[in-house]
Amino acid sequence: MADNDTTEHGADRTFRVPVSTGLFRHWRQLGEAALLLIFYIDRTTRESIGPDGARMGAVYGGKPCPDAHVASAFGCAARTVRRWRNRLAKFGYILQRRTPVGQVISVMRSKKWPGKPTDQERTDVSAQNGQPCPIRADNPVLSERTDVSDPIKTEQGQDKDKKARTATKPADALLAFSGEILKVTIRQDRAFSEGFPHVGLQAEYRKADAWLVAHTERRIKRFSQFMYQWLAKCPAPWFSKQRQEPEWM
């Protein structure tokens, strides 16, 4: 068999993952979750210095990584990946942060590029030397940067940047409710209050947010539509104007 298992299809190609042999000593804590840890190491695209001074690897550069996406790579159920992920977080192999679209994963004590400096280290060295941070094409940590120097902007472009920096945040972007998962803007709250005048909106926001926290497996893509359907199910009281009198009375 060849050293690299490759086929004529690019999707079937395999690559090596840098894993330390010290992983063998953790087989009792890891179990089957070691496969998920190797997956996270393979998908690590950036390293930074953590609070404890050790390196942390950002999976997908810090973007959310849904369990369903990982399950499709393994060919298993999403609940299996969720069980492995919670096991890794329990024993301190990863750090996870929940978002509405998935978990943001950080690999603790990452050693994917032990000889490569992190972003903070390169910035500190450049600041001490008084020189701009050089970009190396062979550094995968900084592979997302494509140009070292910014192009010279025209006066019109500078004016646009200045307006964008000094522009005040619109009132519609401010939040009327901020929960664990649910976020309702002032514009949405105004529309809900006009459409459902008989409903106590703040109480229903808290109920909906608690429901979302208790049902994290439900993937809600459009929270405004979810909140509209939630408020539409709230019954109107008997004294509400929405209850019209029969025509024969």
Protein backbone atom coordinates (compact mmCIF):
# COMPACT_ATOMS: atom_id res chain seq x y z
CA MET A 1 0.00 0.00 0.00
CA ALA A 2 1.29 3.50 -0.76
CA ASP A 3 2.51 5.76 2.01
CA ASN A 4 -0.34 8.17 1.45
CA ASP A 5 -3.79 6.75 0.81
CA THR A 6 -4.85 8.96 -2.10
CA THR A 7 -7.31 8.49 -4.91
CA GLU A 8 -8.10 10.46 -7.98
CA HIS A 9 -10.87 12.22 -6.04
CA GLY A 10 -9.70 15.12 -3.90
CA ALA A 11 -12.39 14.54 -1.25
CA ASP A 12 -10.96 11.07 -0.48
CA ARG A 13 -7.42 12.23 0.17
CA THR A 14 -5.94 11.69 3.63
CA PHE A 15 -3.42 13.77 5.55
CA ARG A 16 -1.17 13.26 8.56
CA VAL A 17 -2.14 14.77 11.92
CA PRO A 18 0.63 15.81 14.35
CA VAL A 19 -0.20 13.95 17.59
CA SER A 20 2.18 13.52 20.54
CA THR A 21 2.81 10.02 21.93
CA GLY A 22 1.91 11.41 25.35
CA LEU A 23 -1.68 10.87 24.26
CA PHE A 24 -1.26 7.17 25.07
CA ARG A 25 -1.05 7.90 28.80
CA HIS A 26 -4.51 9.48 28.73
CA TRP A 27 -6.40 6.54 27.27
CA ARG A 28 -8.49 6.04 30.41
CA GLN A 29 -9.83 9.59 30.37
CA LEU A 30 -10.16 9.85 26.60
CA GLY A 31 -11.60 6.52 25.50
CA GLU A 32 -13.36 6.88 22.16
CA ALA A 33 -13.24 10.68 22.54
CA ALA A 34 -9.57 10.51 21.44
CA LEU A 35 -10.84 10.37 17.84
CA LEU A 36 -12.66 13.68 18.30
CA LEU A 37 -9.57 15.25 19.87
CA ILE A 38 -7.51 14.22 16.84
CA PHE A 39 -10.22 15.72 14.60
CA TYR A 40 -10.02 19.02 16.48
CA ILE A 41 -6.22 19.03 16.22
CA ASP A 42 -6.45 18.46 12.48
CA ARG A 43 -8.94 21.35 12.12
CA THR A 44 -6.86 23.75 14.23
CA THR A 45 -5.84 26.69 12.04
CA ARG A 46 -4.57 29.23 14.59
CA GLU A 47 -2.69 29.17 17.86
CA SER A 48 -2.64 31.78 20.61
CA ILE A 49 -1.43 32.14 24.19
CA GLY A 50 -4.03 31.16 26.80
CA PRO A 51 -4.60 32.66 30.27
CA ASP A 52 -2.27 30.09 31.85
CA GLY A 53 0.56 30.94 29.44
CA ALA A 54 0.17 27.73 27.41
CA ARG A 55 -0.77 27.53 23.74
CA MET A 56 -4.40 27.18 22.71
CA GLY A 57 -5.43 25.95 19.29
CA ALA A 58 -8.47 27.58 17.68
CA VAL A 59 -10.51 25.05 15.70
CA TYR A 60 -11.52 26.57 12.34
CA GLY A 61 -9.85 29.80 13.46
CA GLY A 62 -12.40 30.36 16.24
CA LYS A 63 -15.53 29.81 14.16
CA PRO A 64 -18.41 27.68 15.52
CA CYS A 65 -18.12 23.95 14.88
CA PRO A 66 -21.56 22.27 14.94
CA ASP A 67 -21.76 18.67 16.16
CA ALA A 68 -23.71 17.71 13.04
CA HIS A 69 -20.78 18.81 10.88
CA VAL A 70 -18.36 16.66 12.87
CA ALA A 71 -20.79 13.74 12.85
CA SER A 72 -20.92 13.85 9.05
CA ALA A 73 -17.14 13.40 8.96
CA PHE A 74 -17.27 10.39 11.28
CA GLY A 75 -20.49 8.94 9.88
CA CYS A 76 -22.11 8.76 13.31
CA ALA A 77 -24.94 10.48 15.17
CA ALA A 78 -24.60 14.03 16.46
CA ARG A 79 -25.38 12.88 20.01
CA THR A 80 -22.28 10.66 19.88
CA VAL A 81 -20.12 13.65 19.00
CA ARG A 82 -21.80 15.67 21.75
CA ARG A 83 -20.97 12.95 24.29
CA TRP A 84 -17.33 12.87 23.17
CA ARG A 85 -17.09 16.66 23.24
CA ASN A 86 -18.46 16.91 26.78
CA ARG A 87 -15.99 14.23 27.87
CA LEU A 88 -13.06 16.19 26.43
CA ALA A 89 -14.26 19.37 28.13
CA LYS A 90 -14.78 17.54 31.45
CA PHE A 91 -11.15 16.39 31.63
CA GLY A 92 -9.75 19.71 30.36
CA TYR A 93 -8.56 18.68 26.90
CA ILE A 94 -10.65 21.34 25.16
CA LEU A 95 -12.39 24.58 26.04
CA GLN A 96 -15.86 25.00 24.55
CA ARG A 97 -18.10 28.04 24.27
CA ARG A 98 -21.71 27.71 23.16
CA THR A 99 -23.12 29.91 20.40
CA PRO A 100 -26.52 29.80 18.64
CA VAL A 101 -24.97 28.02 15.64
CA GLY A 102 -22.56 25.64 17.37
CA GLN A 103 -19.66 25.30 19.76
CA VAL A 104 -16.45 27.35 19.53
CA ILE A 105 -13.68 24.85 20.34
CA SER A 106 -10.18 25.61 21.64
CA VAL A 107 -7.65 22.79 22.04
CA MET A 108 -5.77 23.17 25.31
CA ARG A 109 -1.95 22.99 25.24
CA SER A 110 -1.91 22.82 21.46
CA LYS A 111 1.33 21.51 19.93
CA LYS A 112 0.43 21.46 16.28
CA TRP A 113 3.18 23.95 15.35
CA PRO A 114 5.68 23.82 18.26
CA GLY A 115 8.38 25.67 16.32
CA LYS A 116 6.13 28.43 15.02
CA PRO A 117 5.49 31.62 17.05
CA THR A 118 1.93 32.60 17.82
CA ASP A 119 0.30 35.87 16.80
CA GLN A 120 0.99 37.43 20.21
CA GLU A 121 4.66 36.37 20.17
CA ARG A 122 5.22 37.78 16.69
CA THR A 123 3.48 41.03 17.63
CA ASP A 124 5.55 41.41 20.81
CA VAL A 125 8.83 40.81 18.99
CA SER A 126 7.90 43.27 16.24
CA ALA A 127 6.89 45.89 18.80
CA GLN A 128 10.21 45.54 20.60
CA ASN A 129 12.17 45.87 17.38
CA GLY A 130 10.03 48.72 16.10
CA GLN A 131 9.42 46.90 12.80
CA PRO A 132 6.23 45.63 11.13
CA CYS A 133 5.38 41.98 11.67
CA PRO A 134 6.83 39.98 8.76
CA ILE A 135 4.60 37.49 6.99
CA ARG A 136 6.02 34.12 6.06
CA ALA A 137 4.31 32.03 3.43
CA ASP A 138 5.25 28.80 5.23
CA ASN A 139 3.62 29.84 8.50
CA PRO A 140 0.18 28.18 8.68
CA VAL A 141 -0.76 30.24 11.72
CA LEU A 142 -0.74 33.42 9.63
CA SER A 143 -1.94 31.85 6.41
CA GLU A 144 -5.11 33.94 6.38
CA ARG A 145 -3.07 37.16 5.90
CA THR A 146 -2.30 37.81 2.28
CA ASP A 147 -0.67 41.25 2.24
CA VAL A 148 1.77 42.91 4.60
CA SER A 149 1.27 46.54 3.76
CA ASP A 150 -2.09 48.26 3.36
CA PRO A 151 -2.64 50.01 0.03
CA ILE A 152 -2.63 53.79 -0.02
CA LYS A 153 -6.21 54.97 0.20
CA THR A 154 -7.61 57.96 -1.62
CA GLU A 155 -9.14 60.94 0.17
CA GLN A 156 -12.61 59.66 -0.65
CA GLY A 157 -11.81 56.26 0.84
CA GLN A 158 -10.36 57.87 3.96
CA ASP A 159 -13.51 59.96 4.38
CA LYS A 160 -15.65 56.83 4.17
CA ASP A 161 -13.54 55.05 6.78
CA LYS A 162 -13.74 58.07 9.07
CA LYS A 163 -17.53 58.20 8.74
CA ALA A 164 -17.78 54.49 9.43
CA ARG A 165 -15.68 54.84 12.60
CA THR A 166 -17.53 57.89 13.90
CA ALA A 167 -21.03 56.76 12.94
CA THR A 168 -23.30 56.16 15.90
CA LYS A 169 -24.99 52.82 16.34
CA PRO A 170 -28.60 52.91 15.08
CA ALA A 171 -31.38 52.53 17.61
CA ASP A 172 -32.72 49.45 15.83
CA ALA A 173 -29.49 47.57 16.59
CA LEU A 174 -29.93 48.10 20.36
CA LEU A 175 -31.41 45.18 22.26
CA ALA A 176 -34.74 45.29 24.07
CA PHE A 177 -34.05 41.85 25.57
CA SER A 178 -30.81 39.92 25.93
CA GLY A 179 -30.96 36.37 27.29
CA GLU A 180 -28.72 33.34 27.17
CA ILE A 181 -29.65 32.60 23.55
CA LEU A 182 -32.55 34.86 22.53
CA LYS A 183 -31.80 38.43 21.45
CA VAL A 184 -34.63 40.86 20.61
CA THR A 185 -33.88 44.26 19.11
CA ILE A 186 -35.86 47.42 19.82
CA ARG A 187 -37.29 47.33 16.30
CA GLN A 188 -38.53 43.77 16.74
CA ASP A 189 -39.92 44.57 20.20
CA ARG A 190 -41.83 47.54 18.76
CA ALA A 191 -43.33 45.34 16.02
CA PHE A 192 -44.28 42.62 18.52
CA SER A 193 -45.94 45.14 20.86
CA GLU A 194 -48.08 46.47 17.99
CA GLY A 195 -49.00 43.02 16.74
CA PHE A 196 -49.62 41.46 20.17
CA PRO A 197 -50.79 44.26 22.51
CA HIS A 198 -52.37 41.76 24.91
CA VAL A 199 -49.14 39.86 25.62
CA GLY A 200 -46.58 40.66 28.31
CA LEU A 201 -43.56 40.67 26.02
CA GLN A 202 -40.77 40.67 28.60
CA ALA A 203 -42.28 37.66 30.40
CA GLU A 204 -42.68 35.80 27.12
CA TYR A 205 -39.10 36.66 26.13
CA ARG A 206 -37.84 35.07 29.33
CA LYS A 207 -39.99 31.98 28.79
CA ALA A 208 -38.80 31.59 25.19
CA ASP A 209 -35.17 32.03 26.21
CA ALA A 210 -35.54 29.40 28.95
CA TRP A 211 -37.12 27.04 26.40
CA LEU A 212 -34.18 27.55 24.02
CA VAL A 213 -31.69 26.85 26.80
CA ALA A 214 -33.53 23.64 27.72
CA HIS A 215 -33.76 22.49 24.07
CA THR A 216 -30.28 23.15 22.72
CA GLU A 217 -30.69 20.29 20.26
CA ARG A 218 -33.32 22.32 18.36
CA ARG A 219 -31.49 24.39 15.75
CA ILE A 220 -33.35 27.69 15.39
CA LYS A 221 -32.16 29.60 12.32
CA ARG A 222 -34.55 32.58 12.34
CA PHE A 223 -35.20 33.79 15.87
CA SER A 224 -37.59 36.55 14.76
CA GLN A 225 -39.86 33.98 13.09
CA PHE A 226 -39.55 31.70 16.13
CA MET A 227 -40.58 34.54 18.46
CA TYR A 228 -43.52 35.50 16.23
CA GLN A 229 -44.85 31.94 16.29
CA TRP A 230 -44.30 31.84 20.04
CA LEU A 231 -46.32 35.03 20.63
CA ALA A 232 -49.03 33.94 18.21
CA LYS A 233 -49.76 30.93 20.44
CA CYS A 234 -50.32 33.12 23.50
CA PRO A 235 -54.09 33.19 24.18
CA ALA A 236 -55.83 36.55 24.34
CA PRO A 237 -57.60 37.31 27.67
CA TRP A 238 -61.39 37.50 27.81
CA PHE A 239 -61.32 41.29 28.18
CA SER A 240 -59.06 41.81 25.17
CA LYS A 241 -60.30 43.80 22.19
CA GLN A 242 -59.25 40.96 19.94
CA ARG A 243 -62.20 38.92 21.19
CA GLN A 244 -65.03 40.30 19.03
CA GLU A 245 -68.65 40.01 20.03
CA PRO A 246 -70.83 37.69 17.87
CA GLU A 247 -72.73 39.44 15.12
CA TRP A 248 -76.14 38.24 16.36
CA MET A 249 -75.77 39.97 19.75
